[in-house]
């Protein structure tokens, strides 16, 4: 998978991997459909950060959840 390419499939992949890695129940409200390609670079930055670390403090998880919330599409 080439994450350098902006695509809906890559957005879905990154969101699912972030949710898997953090393994937090309240991330169930975060769906790939909540994001679009306009926020791709920001989402990729969060994805890269999450994939680099092995564990997260509660504060880090909260900050990541807040950042993902800020990137959601306005409906």
Protein backbone atom coordinates (compact mmCIF):
# COMPACT_ATOMS: atom_id res chain seq x y z
CA UNK A 1 0.00 0.00 0.00
CA UNK A 2 1.41 3.36 -1.05
CA UNK A 3 0.35 5.85 1.60
CA UNK A 4 2.03 8.66 -0.33
CA UNK A 5 -1.03 8.58 -2.62
CA UNK A 6 -4.11 10.42 -1.39
CA UNK A 7 -7.07 8.10 -1.70
CA UNK A 8 -10.21 7.06 0.13
CA UNK A 9 -8.76 3.57 0.49
CA UNK A 10 -5.63 4.92 2.19
CA UNK A 11 -7.74 7.06 4.56
CA UNK A 12 -9.73 3.95 5.49
CA UNK A 13 -6.56 1.91 5.97
CA UNK A 14 -4.89 4.50 8.23
CA UNK A 15 -7.99 5.01 10.40
CA UNK A 16 -8.42 1.28 10.89
CA UNK A 17 -4.73 0.79 11.75
CA UNK A 18 -4.79 3.68 14.23
CA UNK A 19 -7.85 2.18 15.92
CA UNK A 20 -6.23 -1.28 16.02
CA UNK A 21 -2.97 0.00 17.46
CA UNK A 22 -4.60 2.12 20.15
CA UNK A 23 -7.16 -0.60 20.94
CA UNK A 24 -9.51 1.78 22.71
CA UNK A 25 -13.25 1.19 22.84
CA UNK A 26 -14.31 4.81 22.42
CA UNK A 27 -12.62 4.90 19.02
CA UNK A 28 -15.65 3.01 17.70
CA UNK A 29 -17.23 6.37 16.96
CA UNK A 30 -14.40 7.19 14.55
CA UNK A 31 -15.16 5.89 11.08
CA UNK A 32 -13.16 6.29 7.87
CA UNK A 33 -16.19 7.95 6.27
CA UNK A 34 -15.76 10.85 8.71
CA UNK A 35 -12.58 11.92 6.91
CA UNK A 36 -11.81 13.14 3.44
CA UNK A 37 -8.69 13.61 1.37
CA UNK A 38 -8.40 17.32 2.26
CA UNK A 39 -7.04 16.33 5.66
CA UNK A 40 -4.84 13.55 4.27
CA UNK A 41 -1.47 14.99 5.29
CA UNK A 42 -2.61 15.63 8.86
CA UNK A 43 -4.09 12.15 9.10
CA UNK A 44 -0.87 10.65 7.70
CA UNK A 45 1.13 12.50 10.38
CA UNK A 46 -1.06 11.02 13.12
CA UNK A 47 -0.80 7.58 11.52
CA UNK A 48 3.01 7.80 11.36
CA UNK A 49 3.19 8.87 15.01
CA UNK A 50 0.91 6.06 16.19
CA UNK A 51 2.74 3.40 14.18
CA UNK A 52 6.15 4.43 15.61
CA UNK A 53 5.19 3.99 19.26
CA UNK A 54 4.63 0.76 21.14
CA UNK A 55 2.50 2.16 23.94
CA UNK A 56 0.55 5.28 24.79
CA UNK A 57 -0.30 7.05 28.01
CA UNK A 58 -3.96 7.93 28.63
CA UNK A 59 -3.10 11.57 27.94
CA UNK A 60 -1.52 10.66 24.60
CA UNK A 61 -4.56 8.62 23.62
CA UNK A 62 -6.85 11.49 24.53
CA UNK A 63 -4.74 13.92 22.50
CA UNK A 64 -4.80 11.59 19.48
CA UNK A 65 -8.57 11.18 19.77
CA UNK A 66 -8.98 14.96 19.97
CA UNK A 67 -6.79 15.48 16.90
CA UNK A 68 -8.77 12.91 14.94
CA UNK A 69 -11.94 14.67 16.06
CA UNK A 70 -10.56 17.97 14.78
CA UNK A 71 -9.90 16.40 11.37
CA UNK A 72 -13.44 15.07 10.94
CA UNK A 73 -15.51 16.44 8.09
CA UNK A 74 -17.96 19.15 9.00
CA UNK A 75 -21.40 17.89 8.09
